[in-house]
Amino acid sequence: MLGEVAGEEGLSESKAKRLLGAGHLVLVKNARRDIAPVLVGKGVSTKVNANVGTSPDKCDVELELTKARAAVSAGADAVMDLSIGGDVDSVRKKILSEVSVPLGTVPVYQAFFEKKFDMDLESMLEVIERQAKDGVDFMTIHAGITSNLLEPMGK
């Protein structure tokens, strides 16, 4: 697997292993999914990530699936589900079942909205674990959220 994806990026497997080991490259793929992995980082092509996601005001799963499919058809290397409205777990699972590229999330969004802004470490870790078990390939972890940042969101 690594040799093939490294070759597509113009790297030897041994160089890709060295860069991975040094933290200069990341292989994006959850072992629970049957998709081609993507290399991100130093010495590889720039990747395009397309954002989709529901909100409390607009929760149309079919629309988000249409957007995700269009992004992949247009050449997106990954899709990011930023859903915070409706049944977020169900939305994520549907997108995972429909896209053939790595899917990412921002778990703090789901944790905050599920806990009505009363999130703690345990609830954050529970969301991260749930998303990983669902098959999410990568996550953006926002670790610097403060009360001042929550005020504009209605906290």
N, C-alpha and C. Protein backbone atom coordinates (compact mmCIF):
# COMPACT_ATOMS: atom_id res chain seq x y z
N MET A 1 0.84 -1.19 0.00
CA MET A 1 0.00 0.00 0.00
C MET A 1 0.88 1.25 0.00
N LEU A 2 1.84 1.36 0.92
CA LEU A 2 2.68 2.56 0.99
C LEU A 2 3.50 2.71 -0.28
N GLY A 3 4.04 1.60 -0.78
CA GLY A 3 4.86 1.68 -1.99
C GLY A 3 4.09 2.24 -3.16
N GLU A 4 2.83 1.82 -3.32
CA GLU A 4 2.02 2.29 -4.44
C GLU A 4 1.70 3.78 -4.33
N VAL A 5 1.22 4.20 -3.16
CA VAL A 5 0.87 5.61 -2.99
C VAL A 5 2.12 6.49 -3.03
N ALA A 6 3.24 6.00 -2.51
CA ALA A 6 4.50 6.76 -2.59
C ALA A 6 4.92 6.91 -4.05
N GLY A 7 4.82 5.83 -4.81
CA GLY A 7 5.18 5.88 -6.23
C GLY A 7 4.33 6.88 -6.99
N GLU A 8 3.05 6.96 -6.67
CA GLU A 8 2.17 7.95 -7.32
C GLU A 8 2.61 9.37 -7.02
N GLU A 9 3.29 9.55 -5.90
CA GLU A 9 3.78 10.87 -5.51
C GLU A 9 5.23 11.10 -5.94
N GLY A 10 5.81 10.13 -6.66
CA GLY A 10 7.19 10.27 -7.12
C GLY A 10 8.22 9.99 -6.05
N LEU A 11 7.82 9.28 -5.01
CA LEU A 11 8.73 8.92 -3.91
C LEU A 11 8.98 7.42 -3.91
N SER A 12 10.16 7.03 -3.46
CA SER A 12 10.40 5.61 -3.22
C SER A 12 9.72 5.24 -1.90
N GLU A 13 9.45 3.97 -1.73
CA GLU A 13 8.83 3.53 -0.47
C GLU A 13 9.75 3.82 0.71
N SER A 14 11.05 3.65 0.53
CA SER A 14 11.98 3.89 1.64
C SER A 14 12.01 5.38 2.02
N LYS A 15 11.97 6.26 1.02
CA LYS A 15 11.96 7.69 1.34
C LYS A 15 10.65 8.06 2.04
N ALA A 16 9.54 7.51 1.57
CA ALA A 16 8.25 7.78 2.20
C ALA A 16 8.27 7.31 3.66
N LYS A 17 8.86 6.15 3.92
CA LYS A 17 8.96 5.64 5.30
C LYS A 17 9.78 6.58 6.16
N ARG A 18 10.90 7.07 5.62
CA ARG A 18 11.74 8.01 6.38
C ARG A 18 10.97 9.29 6.70
N LEU A 19 10.26 9.83 5.71
CA LEU A 19 9.50 11.06 5.92
C LEU A 19 8.34 10.84 6.90
N LEU A 20 7.70 9.69 6.82
CA LEU A 20 6.64 9.37 7.78
C LEU A 20 7.22 9.29 9.19
N GLY A 21 8.33 8.60 9.32
CA GLY A 21 8.97 8.43 10.62
C GLY A 21 9.43 9.74 11.23
N ALA A 22 9.82 10.67 10.38
CA ALA A 22 10.29 11.97 10.86
C ALA A 22 9.13 12.94 11.10
N GLY A 23 7.91 12.52 10.77
CA GLY A 23 6.76 13.38 10.98
C GLY A 23 6.56 14.42 9.88
N HIS A 24 7.20 14.22 8.73
CA HIS A 24 7.06 15.16 7.62
C HIS A 24 5.95 14.77 6.66
N LEU A 25 5.49 13.53 6.76
CA LEU A 25 4.40 13.02 5.95
C LEU A 25 3.40 12.32 6.84
N VAL A 26 2.15 12.30 6.40
CA VAL A 26 1.10 11.56 7.08
C VAL A 26 0.38 10.72 6.03
N LEU A 27 0.12 9.48 6.35
CA LEU A 27 -0.67 8.60 5.49
C LEU A 27 -2.11 8.67 6.01
N VAL A 28 -3.01 9.21 5.19
CA VAL A 28 -4.38 9.45 5.61
C VAL A 28 -5.27 8.31 5.13
N LYS A 29 -5.74 7.50 6.08
CA LYS A 29 -6.66 6.41 5.79
C LYS A 29 -6.98 5.70 7.09
N ASN A 30 -8.26 5.51 7.36
CA ASN A 30 -8.69 4.72 8.52
C ASN A 30 -8.69 3.26 8.10
N ALA A 31 -8.15 2.40 8.93
CA ALA A 31 -8.08 0.97 8.62
C ALA A 31 -9.47 0.35 8.44
N ARG A 32 -10.50 1.01 8.93
CA ARG A 32 -11.87 0.50 8.81
C ARG A 32 -12.49 0.78 7.44
N ARG A 33 -11.80 1.54 6.59
CA ARG A 33 -12.35 1.90 5.28
C ARG A 33 -11.56 1.28 4.15
N ASP A 34 -12.25 0.97 3.08
CA ASP A 34 -11.63 0.40 1.89
C ASP A 34 -11.50 1.50 0.83
N ILE A 35 -10.55 2.40 1.05
CA ILE A 35 -10.27 3.49 0.12
C ILE A 35 -8.77 3.55 -0.11
N ALA A 36 -8.38 4.26 -1.16
CA ALA A 36 -6.96 4.47 -1.41
C ALA A 36 -6.43 5.48 -0.40
N PRO A 37 -5.29 5.20 0.21
CA PRO A 37 -4.71 6.18 1.15
C PRO A 37 -4.16 7.38 0.40
N VAL A 38 -3.98 8.46 1.13
CA VAL A 38 -3.44 9.70 0.58
C VAL A 38 -2.27 10.13 1.45
N LEU A 39 -1.19 10.53 0.81
CA LEU A 39 -0.05 11.09 1.54
C LEU A 39 -0.16 12.61 1.56
N VAL A 40 0.04 13.17 2.74
CA VAL A 40 -0.03 14.62 2.92
C VAL A 40 1.24 15.06 3.62
N GLY A 41 1.85 16.14 3.12
CA GLY A 41 3.02 16.68 3.80
C GLY A 41 4.14 17.04 2.85
N LYS A 42 5.35 16.99 3.38
CA LYS A 42 6.55 17.43 2.69
C LYS A 42 6.86 16.52 1.49
N GLY A 43 7.10 17.17 0.35
CA GLY A 43 7.57 16.43 -0.81
C GLY A 43 6.50 15.72 -1.63
N VAL A 44 5.22 15.98 -1.33
CA VAL A 44 4.14 15.38 -2.11
C VAL A 44 3.26 16.49 -2.68
N SER A 45 2.38 16.12 -3.59
CA SER A 45 1.51 17.11 -4.23
C SER A 45 0.56 17.74 -3.22
N THR A 46 0.14 18.97 -3.52
CA THR A 46 -0.84 19.68 -2.71
C THR A 46 -2.18 18.97 -2.83
N LYS A 47 -2.87 18.82 -1.73
CA LYS A 47 -4.16 18.14 -1.72
C LYS A 47 -5.29 19.15 -1.59
N VAL A 48 -6.42 18.81 -2.23
CA VAL A 48 -7.63 19.64 -2.17
C VAL A 48 -8.63 18.95 -1.26
N ASN A 49 -9.13 19.68 -0.28
CA ASN A 49 -10.08 19.19 0.70
C ASN A 49 -11.37 20.00 0.55
N ALA A 50 -12.49 19.33 0.29
CA ALA A 50 -13.77 20.02 0.10
C ALA A 50 -14.62 19.90 1.36
N ASN A 51 -15.19 21.02 1.80
CA ASN A 51 -16.02 21.04 3.00
C ASN A 51 -17.49 20.83 2.68
N VAL A 52 -18.13 19.99 3.48
CA VAL A 52 -19.58 19.79 3.44
C VAL A 52 -20.07 19.76 4.87
N GLY A 53 -21.38 19.79 5.07
CA GLY A 53 -21.88 19.64 6.43
C GLY A 53 -23.21 20.32 6.67
N THR A 54 -23.96 19.74 7.58
CA THR A 54 -25.27 20.25 7.95
C THR A 54 -25.13 21.29 9.06
N SER A 55 -26.19 22.07 9.23
CA SER A 55 -26.24 23.05 10.31
C SER A 55 -27.61 22.96 10.97
N PRO A 56 -27.78 23.56 12.13
CA PRO A 56 -29.10 23.55 12.76
C PRO A 56 -30.18 24.18 11.87
N ASP A 57 -29.80 25.15 11.04
CA ASP A 57 -30.75 25.83 10.17
C ASP A 57 -31.04 25.07 8.88
N LYS A 58 -30.10 24.24 8.44
CA LYS A 58 -30.28 23.50 7.18
C LYS A 58 -29.65 22.13 7.32
N CYS A 59 -30.50 21.14 7.46
CA CYS A 59 -30.04 19.76 7.62
C CYS A 59 -30.62 18.91 6.50
N ASP A 60 -29.99 18.99 5.33
CA ASP A 60 -30.42 18.24 4.15
C ASP A 60 -29.29 17.28 3.79
N VAL A 61 -29.40 16.05 4.27
CA VAL A 61 -28.34 15.06 4.07
C VAL A 61 -28.11 14.80 2.59
N GLU A 62 -29.17 14.71 1.82
CA GLU A 62 -29.02 14.46 0.38
C GLU A 62 -28.24 15.59 -0.30
N LEU A 63 -28.47 16.82 0.11
CA LEU A 63 -27.72 17.94 -0.45
C LEU A 63 -26.23 17.80 -0.12
N GLU A 64 -25.91 17.43 1.11
CA GLU A 64 -24.51 17.27 1.50
C GLU A 64 -23.86 16.10 0.74
N LEU A 65 -24.62 15.03 0.52
CA LEU A 65 -24.09 13.91 -0.27
C LEU A 65 -23.85 14.34 -1.71
N THR A 66 -24.75 15.13 -2.26
CA THR A 66 -24.58 15.64 -3.63
C THR A 66 -23.32 16.50 -3.71
N LYS A 67 -23.11 17.36 -2.70
CA LYS A 67 -21.91 18.20 -2.67
C LYS A 67 -20.65 17.33 -2.57
N ALA A 68 -20.68 16.34 -1.71
CA ALA A 68 -19.51 15.47 -1.53
C ALA A 68 -19.20 14.72 -2.81
N ARG A 69 -20.22 14.16 -3.46
CA ARG A 69 -20.01 13.44 -4.73
C ARG A 69 -19.45 14.38 -5.80
N ALA A 70 -19.99 15.59 -5.88
CA ALA A 70 -19.51 16.57 -6.86
C ALA A 70 -18.05 16.92 -6.61
N ALA A 71 -17.69 17.09 -5.34
CA ALA A 71 -16.31 17.42 -5.00
C ALA A 71 -15.36 16.31 -5.43
N VAL A 72 -15.73 15.08 -5.15
CA VAL A 72 -14.89 13.93 -5.53
C VAL A 72 -14.80 13.85 -7.05
N SER A 73 -15.93 14.03 -7.74
CA SER A 73 -15.94 14.00 -9.21
C SER A 73 -15.05 15.08 -9.80
N ALA A 74 -14.97 16.22 -9.12
CA ALA A 74 -14.15 17.34 -9.60
C ALA A 74 -12.68 17.18 -9.22
N GLY A 75 -12.34 16.11 -8.49
CA GLY A 75 -10.94 15.85 -8.17
C GLY A 75 -10.51 16.12 -6.76
N ALA A 76 -11.44 16.38 -5.86
CA ALA A 76 -11.04 16.61 -4.46
C ALA A 76 -10.32 15.37 -3.92
N ASP A 77 -9.26 15.60 -3.18
CA ASP A 77 -8.48 14.51 -2.60
C ASP A 77 -9.07 14.03 -1.28
N ALA A 78 -9.91 14.87 -0.65
CA ALA A 78 -10.51 14.54 0.64
C ALA A 78 -11.78 15.38 0.80
N VAL A 79 -12.63 14.93 1.71
CA VAL A 79 -13.85 15.66 2.06
C VAL A 79 -13.84 15.86 3.56
N MET A 80 -14.26 17.04 3.99
CA MET A 80 -14.32 17.37 5.42
C MET A 80 -15.78 17.57 5.80
N ASP A 81 -16.27 16.75 6.73
CA ASP A 81 -17.65 16.88 7.22
C ASP A 81 -17.65 17.79 8.44
N LEU A 82 -18.26 18.96 8.28
CA LEU A 82 -18.32 19.95 9.35
C LEU A 82 -19.72 20.02 9.96
N SER A 83 -20.47 18.93 9.89
CA SER A 83 -21.86 18.92 10.34
C SER A 83 -22.00 19.23 11.83
N ILE A 84 -23.02 20.08 12.11
CA ILE A 84 -23.37 20.39 13.50
C ILE A 84 -24.89 20.37 13.69
N GLY A 85 -25.62 20.02 12.62
CA GLY A 85 -27.08 20.01 12.71
C GLY A 85 -27.65 18.66 12.37
N GLY A 86 -28.80 18.35 12.96
CA GLY A 86 -29.45 17.06 12.72
C GLY A 86 -28.73 15.95 13.45
N ASP A 87 -28.91 14.74 12.96
CA ASP A 87 -28.25 13.56 13.53
C ASP A 87 -26.85 13.48 12.93
N VAL A 88 -25.90 14.13 13.57
CA VAL A 88 -24.54 14.27 13.03
C VAL A 88 -23.90 12.91 12.79
N ASP A 89 -24.12 11.95 13.68
CA ASP A 89 -23.54 10.62 13.48
C ASP A 89 -24.08 9.97 12.20
N SER A 90 -25.37 10.09 11.98
CA SER A 90 -25.99 9.51 10.79
C SER A 90 -25.49 10.20 9.52
N VAL A 91 -25.38 11.51 9.57
CA VAL A 91 -24.88 12.27 8.41
C VAL A 91 -23.48 11.79 8.07
N ARG A 92 -22.61 11.71 9.07
CA ARG A 92 -21.22 11.29 8.86
C ARG A 92 -21.17 9.88 8.27
N LYS A 93 -21.96 8.97 8.81
CA LYS A 93 -21.96 7.59 8.30
C LYS A 93 -22.41 7.53 6.85
N LYS A 94 -23.40 8.34 6.48
CA LYS A 94 -23.86 8.36 5.09
C LYS A 94 -22.77 8.90 4.17
N ILE A 95 -22.11 9.96 4.60
CA ILE A 95 -21.04 10.51 3.77
C ILE A 95 -19.90 9.50 3.64
N LEU A 96 -19.55 8.85 4.75
CA LEU A 96 -18.50 7.82 4.71
C LEU A 96 -18.85 6.72 3.71
N SER A 97 -20.11 6.36 3.65
CA SER A 97 -20.51 5.27 2.75
C SER A 97 -20.53 5.70 1.29
N GLU A 98 -20.54 7.00 1.04
CA GLU A 98 -20.68 7.51 -0.32
C GLU A 98 -19.38 8.00 -0.96
N VAL A 99 -18.42 8.42 -0.15
CA VAL A 99 -17.21 9.00 -0.73
C VAL A 99 -16.07 7.99 -0.75
N SER A 100 -15.29 8.07 -1.81
CA SER A 100 -14.18 7.13 -2.02
C SER A 100 -12.83 7.76 -1.71
N VAL A 101 -12.86 8.89 -1.03
CA VAL A 101 -11.63 9.59 -0.63
C VAL A 101 -11.65 9.72 0.89
N PRO A 102 -10.52 10.04 1.49
CA PRO A 102 -10.50 10.23 2.94
C PRO A 102 -11.52 11.27 3.41
N LEU A 103 -12.14 10.98 4.55
CA LEU A 103 -13.11 11.90 5.15
C LEU A 103 -12.56 12.39 6.48
N GLY A 104 -12.59 13.70 6.66
CA GLY A 104 -12.15 14.31 7.90
C GLY A 104 -13.29 14.97 8.64
N THR A 105 -13.05 15.27 9.91
CA THR A 105 -14.03 15.94 10.75
C THR A 105 -13.31 16.90 11.70
N VAL A 106 -14.11 17.70 12.40
CA VAL A 106 -13.62 18.54 13.48
C VAL A 106 -14.45 18.14 14.71
N PRO A 107 -13.99 17.13 15.46
CA PRO A 107 -14.80 16.57 16.54
C PRO A 107 -15.27 17.57 17.59
N VAL A 108 -14.53 18.65 17.82
CA VAL A 108 -14.93 19.62 18.84
C VAL A 108 -16.28 20.24 18.48
N TYR A 109 -16.58 20.37 17.18
CA TYR A 109 -17.88 20.93 16.78
C TYR A 109 -19.01 20.04 17.29
N GLN A 110 -18.90 18.75 17.03
CA GLN A 110 -19.95 17.83 17.47
C GLN A 110 -20.01 17.77 18.99
N ALA A 111 -18.87 17.73 19.64
CA ALA A 111 -18.84 17.65 21.11
C ALA A 111 -19.51 18.87 21.73
N PHE A 112 -19.20 20.06 21.23
CA PHE A 112 -19.81 21.27 21.77
C PHE A 112 -21.31 21.30 21.57
N PHE A 113 -21.76 20.96 20.37
CA PHE A 113 -23.18 21.05 20.10
C PHE A 113 -23.98 19.94 20.78
N GLU A 114 -23.38 18.77 20.94
CA GLU A 114 -24.07 17.70 21.67
C GLU A 114 -24.22 18.05 23.15
N LYS A 115 -23.22 18.69 23.70
CA LYS A 115 -23.22 19.02 25.13
C LYS A 115 -23.72 20.43 25.41
N LYS A 116 -24.28 21.06 24.39
CA LYS A 116 -24.80 22.43 24.54
C LYS A 116 -23.75 23.34 25.16
N PHE A 117 -22.54 23.25 24.65
CA PHE A 117 -21.41 24.09 25.05
C PHE A 117 -20.88 23.76 26.45
N ASP A 118 -21.34 22.68 27.06
CA ASP A 118 -20.85 22.29 28.38
C ASP A 118 -19.95 21.06 28.23
N MET A 119 -19.03 21.15 27.31
CA MET A 119 -18.16 20.03 26.98
C MET A 119 -17.04 19.89 28.01
N ASP A 120 -16.66 18.65 28.26
CA ASP A 120 -15.49 18.38 29.09
C ASP A 120 -14.58 17.41 28.34
N LEU A 121 -13.47 17.07 28.93
CA LEU A 121 -12.50 16.19 28.27
C LEU A 121 -13.13 14.86 27.91
N GLU A 122 -13.89 14.28 28.80
CA GLU A 122 -14.50 12.97 28.53
C GLU A 122 -15.43 13.01 27.32
N SER A 123 -16.25 14.06 27.22
CA SER A 123 -17.17 14.13 26.09
C SER A 123 -16.40 14.34 24.78
N MET A 124 -15.32 15.10 24.83
CA MET A 124 -14.50 15.30 23.64
C MET A 124 -13.86 13.99 23.20
N LEU A 125 -13.28 13.26 24.14
CA LEU A 125 -12.65 11.99 23.80
C LEU A 125 -13.67 10.96 23.30
N GLU A 126 -14.88 11.01 23.85
CA GLU A 126 -15.93 10.09 23.40
C GLU A 126 -16.29 10.36 21.95
N VAL A 127 -16.39 11.62 21.56
CA VAL A 127 -16.70 11.96 20.17
C VAL A 127 -15.56 11.55 19.26
N ILE A 128 -14.33 11.80 19.65
CA ILE A 128 -13.17 11.39 18.85
C ILE A 128 -13.19 9.88 18.63
N GLU A 129 -13.41 9.13 19.70
CA GLU A 129 -13.44 7.67 19.58
C GLU A 129 -14.59 7.21 18.68
N ARG A 130 -15.76 7.79 18.86
CA ARG A 130 -16.93 7.43 18.05
C ARG A 130 -16.66 7.68 16.56
N GLN A 131 -16.10 8.85 16.27
CA GLN A 131 -15.82 9.17 14.88
C GLN A 131 -14.76 8.25 14.28
N ALA A 132 -13.73 7.94 15.05
CA ALA A 132 -12.70 7.03 14.56
C ALA A 132 -13.27 5.64 14.30
N LYS A 133 -14.11 5.16 15.19
CA LYS A 133 -14.74 3.85 14.99
C LYS A 133 -15.67 3.84 13.79
N ASP A 134 -16.28 4.99 13.49
CA ASP A 134 -17.14 5.08 12.31
C ASP A 134 -16.33 5.00 11.01
N GLY A 135 -15.04 5.33 11.08
CA GLY A 135 -14.19 5.24 9.90
C GLY A 135 -13.58 6.55 9.45
N VAL A 136 -13.75 7.62 10.23
CA VAL A 136 -13.17 8.91 9.85
C VAL A 136 -11.66 8.74 9.67
N ASP A 137 -11.15 9.29 8.57
CA ASP A 137 -9.75 9.09 8.21
C ASP A 137 -8.80 10.10 8.84
N PHE A 138 -9.29 11.31 9.10
CA PHE A 138 -8.44 12.31 9.75
C PHE A 138 -9.34 13.30 10.49
N MET A 139 -8.76 13.96 11.48
CA MET A 139 -9.51 14.92 12.29
C MET A 139 -8.66 16.16 12.51
N THR A 140 -9.35 17.29 12.52
CA THR A 140 -8.71 18.54 12.92
C THR A 140 -9.05 18.74 14.39
N ILE A 141 -8.04 18.86 15.21
CA ILE A 141 -8.25 19.03 16.64
C ILE A 141 -7.98 20.49 17.00
N HIS A 142 -9.04 21.22 17.33
CA HIS A 142 -8.90 22.60 17.80
C HIS A 142 -8.75 22.54 19.31
N ALA A 143 -7.57 22.79 19.79
CA ALA A 143 -7.29 22.65 21.21
C ALA A 143 -7.27 23.98 21.95
N GLY A 144 -7.47 25.08 21.25
CA GLY A 144 -7.35 26.38 21.89
C GLY A 144 -8.66 27.13 22.01
N ILE A 145 -9.76 26.42 22.17
CA ILE A 145 -11.05 27.10 22.28
C ILE A 145 -11.21 27.62 23.70
N THR A 146 -11.57 28.90 23.78
CA THR A 146 -11.74 29.55 25.07
C THR A 146 -13.16 30.08 25.19
N SER A 147 -13.52 30.53 26.37
CA SER A 147 -14.85 31.12 26.59
C SER A 147 -15.06 32.33 25.70
N ASN A 148 -14.01 33.10 25.45
CA ASN A 148 -14.13 34.28 24.58
C ASN A 148 -14.52 33.90 23.16
N LEU A 149 -14.06 32.76 22.69
CA LEU A 149 -14.41 32.30 21.35
C LEU A 149 -15.84 31.80 21.29
N LEU A 150 -16.37 31.33 22.40
CA LEU A 150 -17.73 30.79 22.43
C LEU A 150 -18.80 31.87 22.48
N GLU A 151 -18.46 33.04 22.98
CA GLU A 151 -19.46 34.11 23.13
C GLU A 151 -20.20 34.44 21.84
N PRO A 152 -19.51 34.57 20.69
CA PRO A 152 -20.25 34.89 19.46
C PRO A 152 -21.19 33.75 19.02
N MET A 153 -20.98 32.55 19.54
CA MET A 153 -21.81 31.41 19.18
C MET A 153 -23.02 31.27 20.10
N GLY A 154 -23.21 32.22 20.99
CA GLY A 154 -24.40 32.21 21.84
C GLY A 154 -24.20 31.61 23.21
N LYS A 155 -22.99 31.35 23.61
CA LYS A 155 -22.72 30.78 24.94
C LYS A 155 -22.86 31.83 25.99
